[in-house]
Amino acid sequence: MVKSNPHKPSNGRTNLASCIVATIFLIFLLILILLIYFTVFKPKKPNITVTAVQLPSFSASNGTVNFTFSQYATINNNNRAVFTHYDSSLQLLYAGTQVGFMFIPAGKIDAGKTEYMSATFSVHSFPLSFNKPESAVVGPTVTEGFNGFRLGPSMEIESRLEMSGRVQFLHFFTHHVDARAECRVVIDVNDGYVLGFHC
């Protein structure tokens, strides 16, 4: 005669317990991944620092100016993943109107690395007095330069360096990143000397 064991658990209860344990483990794992992502791998905007602005060539005549504009900058990728940038540009504005533009080629900056960037382009002739901006100084100004004080009329332009791209972690998490640097540049209209810039 065969006796049944009343304490033997059924297969249904064993499967249910296994599913509950697996679900709790997966939820814990997901929370851990999100915690690591938002603390260690949280996407950050790259730091853009404009280090120098120059005008290699400059000419002014009959109330118009044209020049070559050069800007030097450093881009620091403070993420723990590669920053891939694309659709980036450098704009030059005078009195709110675009007078110069340059596309920045796509590229990559490794995690924690700094890239040095230089951009040089020609700005076609434009009138100094269109829209008569308040930001453009038409009278004499005194500004300290390398050789003491410089006296003369000056103009102010604005440069906008904009970078768009993405940061991808573990080939799974992708985050869109935008960064920009805006600078106001004051130029002596007599000789194209950069009196100063502020970003």
C-alpha atoms as a PDB file:
ATOM      1  CA  MET A   1       0.000   0.000   0.000  1.00  0.00           C
ATOM      2  CA  VAL A   2       1.447   3.400  -1.073  1.00  0.00           C
ATOM      3  CA  LYS A   3       1.116   6.350   1.298  1.00  0.00           C
ATOM      4  CA  SER A   4       0.939   9.904  -0.021  1.00  0.00           C
ATOM      5  CA  ASN A   5       3.036  12.655   1.573  1.00  0.00           C
ATOM      6  CA  PRO A   6       0.668  15.460   2.618  1.00  0.00           C
ATOM      7  CA  HIS A   7       3.591  17.927   3.156  1.00  0.00           C
ATOM      8  CA  LYS A   8       4.930  17.766  -0.429  1.00  0.00           C
ATOM      9  CA  PRO A   9       4.411  21.252  -2.099  1.00  0.00           C
ATOM     10  CA  SER A  10       2.534  21.375  -5.341  1.00  0.00           C
ATOM     11  CA  ASN A  11       4.216  22.425  -8.611  1.00  0.00           C
ATOM     12  CA  GLY A  12       1.899  25.441  -8.900  1.00  0.00           C
ATOM     13  CA  ARG A  13       3.083  26.948  -5.618  1.00  0.00           C
ATOM     14  CA  THR A  14       6.736  26.368  -6.523  1.00  0.00           C
ATOM     15  CA  ASN A  15       6.322  28.120  -9.876  1.00  0.00           C
ATOM     16  CA  LEU A  16       4.523  31.064  -8.259  1.00  0.00           C
ATOM     17  CA  ALA A  17       7.266  31.522  -5.671  1.00  0.00           C
ATOM     18  CA  SER A  18       9.945  31.380  -8.387  1.00  0.00           C
ATOM     19  CA  CYS A  19       8.122  34.013 -10.451  1.00  0.00           C
ATOM     20  CA  ILE A  20       7.824  36.343  -7.445  1.00  0.00           C
ATOM     21  CA  VAL A  21      11.528  35.996  -6.616  1.00  0.00           C
ATOM     22  CA  ALA A  22      12.508  36.565 -10.277  1.00  0.00           C
ATOM     23  CA  THR A  23      10.251  39.651 -10.500  1.00  0.00           C
ATOM     24  CA  ILE A  24      11.706  41.157  -7.309  1.00  0.00           C
ATOM     25  CA  PHE A  25      15.231  40.517  -8.615  1.00  0.00           C
ATOM     26  CA  LEU A  26      14.469  42.173 -11.988  1.00  0.00           C
ATOM     27  CA  ILE A  27      12.915  45.218 -10.298  1.00  0.00           C
ATOM     28  CA  PHE A  28      15.955  45.525  -8.026  1.00  0.00           C
ATOM     29  CA  LEU A  29      18.290  45.210 -11.034  1.00  0.00           C
ATOM     30  CA  LEU A  30      16.365  47.886 -12.963  1.00  0.00           C
ATOM     31  CA  ILE A  31      16.484  50.281  -9.992  1.00  0.00           C
ATOM     32  CA  LEU A  32      20.234  49.650  -9.644  1.00  0.00           C
ATOM     33  CA  ILE A  33      20.845  50.356 -13.361  1.00  0.00           C
ATOM     34  CA  LEU A  34      18.819  53.587 -13.222  1.00  0.00           C
ATOM     35  CA  LEU A  35      20.635  54.668 -10.062  1.00  0.00           C
ATOM     36  CA  ILE A  36      24.036  54.109 -11.684  1.00  0.00           C
ATOM     37  CA  TYR A  37      22.885  55.878 -14.866  1.00  0.00           C
ATOM     38  CA  PHE A  38      21.665  59.014 -13.079  1.00  0.00           C
ATOM     39  CA  THR A  39      24.632  59.246 -10.692  1.00  0.00           C
ATOM     40  CA  VAL A  40      27.726  57.994 -12.521  1.00  0.00           C
ATOM     41  CA  PHE A  41      26.707  58.167 -16.193  1.00  0.00           C
ATOM     42  CA  LYS A  42      24.320  61.126 -16.128  1.00  0.00           C
ATOM     43  CA  PRO A  43      24.785  62.998 -19.455  1.00  0.00           C
ATOM     44  CA  LYS A  44      26.351  66.456 -19.130  1.00  0.00           C
ATOM     45  CA  LYS A  45      26.814  69.313 -21.559  1.00  0.00           C
ATOM     46  CA  PRO A  46      30.402  69.696 -22.765  1.00  0.00           C
ATOM     47  CA  ASN A  47      32.191  72.796 -21.500  1.00  0.00           C
ATOM     48  CA  ILE A  48      33.091  75.278 -24.256  1.00  0.00           C
ATOM     49  CA  THR A  49      35.720  77.912 -23.469  1.00  0.00           C
ATOM     50  CA  VAL A  50      36.690  80.567 -26.015  1.00  0.00           C
ATOM     51  CA  THR A  51      40.417  81.207 -25.519  1.00  0.00           C
ATOM     52  CA  ALA A  52      41.197  83.810 -28.209  1.00  0.00           C
ATOM     53  CA  VAL A  53      39.640  85.949 -30.939  1.00  0.00           C
ATOM     54  CA  GLN A  54      41.668  87.493 -33.754  1.00  0.00           C
ATOM     55  CA  LEU A  55      41.119  89.404 -36.984  1.00  0.00           C
ATOM     56  CA  PRO A  56      44.058  88.446 -39.251  1.00  0.00           C
ATOM     57  CA  SER A  57      42.909  90.900 -41.921  1.00  0.00           C
ATOM     58  CA  PHE A  58      40.713  93.988 -41.621  1.00  0.00           C
ATOM     59  CA  SER A  59      39.740  96.886 -43.842  1.00  0.00           C
ATOM     60  CA  ALA A  60      37.270  99.728 -43.420  1.00  0.00           C
ATOM     61  CA  SER A  61      36.229 102.269 -46.041  1.00  0.00           C
ATOM     62  CA  ASN A  62      33.171 104.403 -46.848  1.00  0.00           C
ATOM     63  CA  GLY A  63      31.367 103.276 -43.693  1.00  0.00           C
ATOM     64  CA  THR A  64      31.732  99.569 -44.453  1.00  0.00           C
ATOM     65  CA  VAL A  65      34.056  96.904 -43.056  1.00  0.00           C
ATOM     66  CA  ASN A  66      35.218  93.468 -44.115  1.00  0.00           C
ATOM     67  CA  PHE A  67      37.608  91.182 -42.316  1.00  0.00           C
ATOM     68  CA  THR A  68      38.775  87.656 -41.606  1.00  0.00           C
ATOM     69  CA  PHE A  69      37.532  86.295 -38.280  1.00  0.00           C
ATOM     70  CA  SER A  70      39.386  83.667 -36.232  1.00  0.00           C
ATOM     71  CA  GLN A  71      38.175  82.108 -33.010  1.00  0.00           C
ATOM     72  CA  TYR A  72      39.962  79.549 -30.855  1.00  0.00           C
ATOM     73  CA  ALA A  73      38.170  77.406 -28.289  1.00  0.00           C
ATOM     74  CA  THR A  74      38.488  74.312 -26.123  1.00  0.00           C
ATOM     75  CA  ILE A  75      35.693  71.757 -25.763  1.00  0.00           C
ATOM     76  CA  ASN A  76      35.863  69.533 -22.700  1.00  0.00           C
ATOM     77  CA  ASN A  77      33.776  66.349 -22.702  1.00  0.00           C
ATOM     78  CA  ASN A  78      33.176  65.729 -19.014  1.00  0.00           C
ATOM     79  CA  ASN A  79      31.019  62.659 -19.689  1.00  0.00           C
ATOM     80  CA  ARG A  80      32.035  59.053 -19.100  1.00  0.00           C
ATOM     81  CA  ALA A  81      31.247  58.267 -22.719  1.00  0.00           C
ATOM     82  CA  VAL A  82      32.140  59.574 -26.181  1.00  0.00           C
ATOM     83  CA  PHE A  83      30.473  62.825 -27.241  1.00  0.00           C
ATOM     84  CA  THR A  84      29.573  62.671 -30.943  1.00  0.00           C
ATOM     85  CA  HIS A  85      28.886  66.158 -32.302  1.00  0.00           C
ATOM     86  CA  TYR A  86      27.158  67.116 -35.541  1.00  0.00           C
ATOM     87  CA  ASP A  87      25.017  69.941 -36.899  1.00  0.00           C
ATOM     88  CA  SER A  88      27.285  72.514 -35.208  1.00  0.00           C
ATOM     89  CA  SER A  89      28.107  76.042 -36.323  1.00  0.00           C
ATOM     90  CA  LEU A  90      29.810  79.337 -35.553  1.00  0.00           C
ATOM     91  CA  GLN A  91      27.768  82.488 -36.252  1.00  0.00           C
ATOM     92  CA  LEU A  92      28.885  86.087 -36.258  1.00  0.00           C
ATOM     93  CA  LEU A  93      26.327  88.837 -35.633  1.00  0.00           C
ATOM     94  CA  TYR A  94      26.404  92.596 -35.818  1.00  0.00           C
ATOM     95  CA  ALA A  95      23.430  94.519 -34.385  1.00  0.00           C
ATOM     96  CA  GLY A  96      21.422  91.290 -34.291  1.00  0.00           C
ATOM     97  CA  THR A  97      22.009  90.545 -37.984  1.00  0.00           C
ATOM     98  CA  GLN A  98      24.110  87.608 -39.130  1.00  0.00           C
ATOM     99  CA  VAL A  99      27.191  88.767 -41.022  1.00  0.00           C
ATOM    100  CA  GLY A 100      29.240  85.552 -40.951  1.00  0.00           C
ATOM    101  CA  PHE A 101      28.615  81.821 -40.684  1.00  0.00           C
ATOM    102  CA  MET A 102      30.619  78.605 -40.686  1.00  0.00           C
ATOM    103  CA  PHE A 103      29.617  74.948 -40.318  1.00  0.00           C
ATOM    104  CA  ILE A 104      31.730  72.888 -37.926  1.00  0.00           C
ATOM    105  CA  PRO A 105      32.579  69.399 -39.244  1.00  0.00           C
ATOM    106  CA  ALA A 106      31.152  66.447 -37.328  1.00  0.00           C
ATOM    107  CA  GLY A 107      33.476  64.601 -34.996  1.00  0.00           C
ATOM    108  CA  LYS A 108      33.937  62.764 -31.716  1.00  0.00           C
ATOM    109  CA  ILE A 109      35.483  63.709 -28.382  1.00  0.00           C
ATOM    110  CA  ASP A 110      36.503  60.825 -26.123  1.00  0.00           C
ATOM    111  CA  ALA A 111      35.277  60.560 -22.542  1.00  0.00           C
ATOM    112  CA  GLY A 112      36.989  63.013 -20.217  1.00  0.00           C
ATOM    113  CA  LYS A 113      39.071  64.516 -23.041  1.00  0.00           C
ATOM    114  CA  THR A 114      39.505  68.095 -24.271  1.00  0.00           C
ATOM    115  CA  GLU A 115      39.573  69.050 -27.944  1.00  0.00           C
ATOM    116  CA  TYR A 116      41.100  72.263 -29.287  1.00  0.00           C
ATOM    117  CA  MET A 117      39.142  73.899 -32.073  1.00  0.00           C
ATOM    118  CA  SER A 118      39.951  76.806 -34.363  1.00  0.00           C
ATOM    119  CA  ALA A 119      37.683  78.381 -36.943  1.00  0.00           C
ATOM    120  CA  THR A 120      38.633  81.005 -39.516  1.00  0.00           C
ATOM    121  CA  PHE A 121      36.402  82.480 -42.201  1.00  0.00           C
ATOM    122  CA  SER A 122      35.990  85.647 -44.234  1.00  0.00           C
ATOM    123  CA  VAL A 123      33.267  88.155 -43.427  1.00  0.00           C
ATOM    124  CA  HIS A 124      31.978  90.014 -46.458  1.00  0.00           C
ATOM    125  CA  SER A 125      31.647  93.769 -46.469  1.00  0.00           C
ATOM    126  CA  PHE A 126      28.772  95.212 -44.440  1.00  0.00           C
ATOM    127  CA  PRO A 127      27.845  98.776 -43.400  1.00  0.00           C
ATOM    128  CA  LEU A 128      28.755  99.882 -39.896  1.00  0.00           C
ATOM    129  CA  SER A 129      25.707 102.048 -39.359  1.00  0.00           C
ATOM    130  CA  PHE A 130      22.819  99.857 -40.537  1.00  0.00           C
ATOM    131  CA  ASN A 131      20.040  99.862 -37.934  1.00  0.00           C
ATOM    132  CA  LYS A 132      22.267 102.253 -35.928  1.00  0.00           C
ATOM    133  CA  PRO A 133      22.787  99.831 -33.049  1.00  0.00           C
ATOM    134  CA  GLU A 134      23.398 101.134 -29.563  1.00  0.00           C
ATOM    135  CA  SER A 135      25.958  98.390 -28.997  1.00  0.00           C
ATOM    136  CA  ALA A 136      28.202  99.764 -31.755  1.00  0.00           C
ATOM    137  CA  VAL A 137      30.144 102.717 -30.436  1.00  0.00           C
ATOM    138  CA  VAL A 138      30.376 105.414 -33.092  1.00  0.00           C
ATOM    139  CA  GLY A 139      32.244 107.967 -31.000  1.00  0.00           C
ATOM    140  CA  PRO A 140      35.726 107.778 -29.514  1.00  0.00           C
ATOM    141  CA  THR A 141      36.323 105.254 -26.727  1.00  0.00           C
ATOM    142  CA  VAL A 142      39.241 104.708 -24.407  1.00  0.00           C
ATOM    143  CA  THR A 143      40.273 101.091 -23.846  1.00  0.00           C
ATOM    144  CA  GLU A 144      43.436  99.731 -22.297  1.00  0.00           C
ATOM    145  CA  GLY A 145      45.491  97.718 -24.788  1.00  0.00           C
ATOM    146  CA  PHE A 146      48.926  96.137 -24.897  1.00  0.00           C
ATOM    147  CA  ASN A 147      50.679  99.471 -25.484  1.00  0.00           C
ATOM    148  CA  GLY A 148      48.885 101.698 -23.004  1.00  0.00           C
ATOM    149  CA  PHE A 149      45.607 103.346 -23.964  1.00  0.00           C
ATOM    150  CA  ARG A 150      44.021 103.167 -27.389  1.00  0.00           C
ATOM    151  CA  LEU A 151      41.755 105.931 -28.600  1.00  0.00           C
ATOM    152  CA  GLY A 152      39.366 105.563 -31.508  1.00  0.00           C
ATOM    153  CA  PRO A 153      35.946 104.441 -32.744  1.00  0.00           C
ATOM    154  CA  SER A 154      35.003 100.851 -32.072  1.00  0.00           C
ATOM    155  CA  MET A 155      32.331  98.342 -33.026  1.00  0.00           C
ATOM    156  CA  GLU A 156      30.923  95.362 -31.188  1.00  0.00           C
ATOM    157  CA  ILE A 157      30.124  91.988 -32.740  1.00  0.00           C
ATOM    158  CA  GLU A 158      28.773  88.806 -31.215  1.00  0.00           C
ATOM    159  CA  SER A 159      29.975  85.266 -31.884  1.00  0.00           C
ATOM    160  CA  ARG A 160      27.826  82.198 -31.191  1.00  0.00           C
ATOM    161  CA  LEU A 161      29.413  78.767 -31.144  1.00  0.00           C
ATOM    162  CA  GLU A 162      26.708  76.091 -31.032  1.00  0.00           C
ATOM    163  CA  MET A 163      27.364  72.352 -30.804  1.00  0.00           C
ATOM    164  CA  SER A 164      24.753  69.599 -31.002  1.00  0.00           C
ATOM    165  CA  GLY A 165      25.365  65.920 -30.550  1.00  0.00           C
ATOM    166  CA  ARG A 166      24.717  62.836 -28.501  1.00  0.00           C
ATOM    167  CA  VAL A 167      26.238  60.832 -25.688  1.00  0.00           C
ATOM    168  CA  GLN A 168      25.680  57.071 -25.735  1.00  0.00           C
ATOM    169  CA  PHE A 169      26.263  54.812 -22.734  1.00  0.00           C
ATOM    170  CA  LEU A 170      26.685  51.035 -22.988  1.00  0.00           C
ATOM    171  CA  HIS A 171      25.350  51.183 -26.591  1.00  0.00           C
ATOM    172  CA  PHE A 172      21.873  51.434 -25.105  1.00  0.00           C
ATOM    173  CA  PHE A 173      21.230  54.779 -23.409  1.00  0.00           C
ATOM    174  CA  THR A 174      21.400  57.696 -25.858  1.00  0.00           C
ATOM    175  CA  HIS A 175      21.018  61.304 -24.765  1.00  0.00           C
ATOM    176  CA  HIS A 176      20.878  64.417 -26.978  1.00  0.00           C
ATOM    177  CA  VAL A 177      23.222  67.206 -25.834  1.00  0.00           C
ATOM    178  CA  ASP A 178      23.377  70.900 -26.837  1.00  0.00           C
ATOM    179  CA  ALA A 179      26.100  73.335 -25.807  1.00  0.00           C
ATOM    180  CA  ARG A 180      26.837  76.924 -26.756  1.00  0.00           C
ATOM    181  CA  ALA A 181      29.259  79.753 -26.087  1.00  0.00           C
ATOM    182  CA  GLU A 182      28.340  83.373 -26.798  1.00  0.00           C
ATOM    183  CA  CYS A 183      30.963  86.118 -26.842  1.00  0.00           C
ATOM    184  CA  ARG A 184      30.835  89.877 -27.301  1.00  0.00           C
ATOM    185  CA  VAL A 185      33.887  91.175 -29.147  1.00  0.00           C
ATOM    186  CA  VAL A 186      34.927  94.843 -29.276  1.00  0.00           C
ATOM    187  CA  ILE A 187      37.021  95.855 -32.301  1.00  0.00           C
ATOM    188  CA  ASP A 188      38.877  99.069 -33.108  1.00  0.00           C
ATOM    189  CA  VAL A 189      37.512 100.100 -36.530  1.00  0.00           C
ATOM    190  CA  ASN A 190      40.724 101.928 -37.462  1.00  0.00           C
ATOM    191  CA  ASP A 191      42.959  98.867 -37.608  1.00  0.00           C
ATOM    192  CA  GLY A 192      40.854  95.824 -36.642  1.00  0.00           C
ATOM    193  CA  TYR A 193      42.586  95.416 -33.282  1.00  0.00           C
ATOM    194  CA  VAL A 194      40.542  93.289 -30.852  1.00  0.00           C
ATOM    195  CA  LEU A 195      40.153  95.515 -27.806  1.00  0.00           C
ATOM    196  CA  GLY A 196      38.628  92.718 -25.772  1.00  0.00           C
ATOM    197  CA  PHE A 197      36.000  90.006 -25.631  1.00  0.00           C
ATOM    198  CA  HIS A 198      33.660  88.688 -22.965  1.00  0.00           C
ATOM    199  CA  CYS A 199      31.944  85.264 -23.010  1.00  0.00           C
END
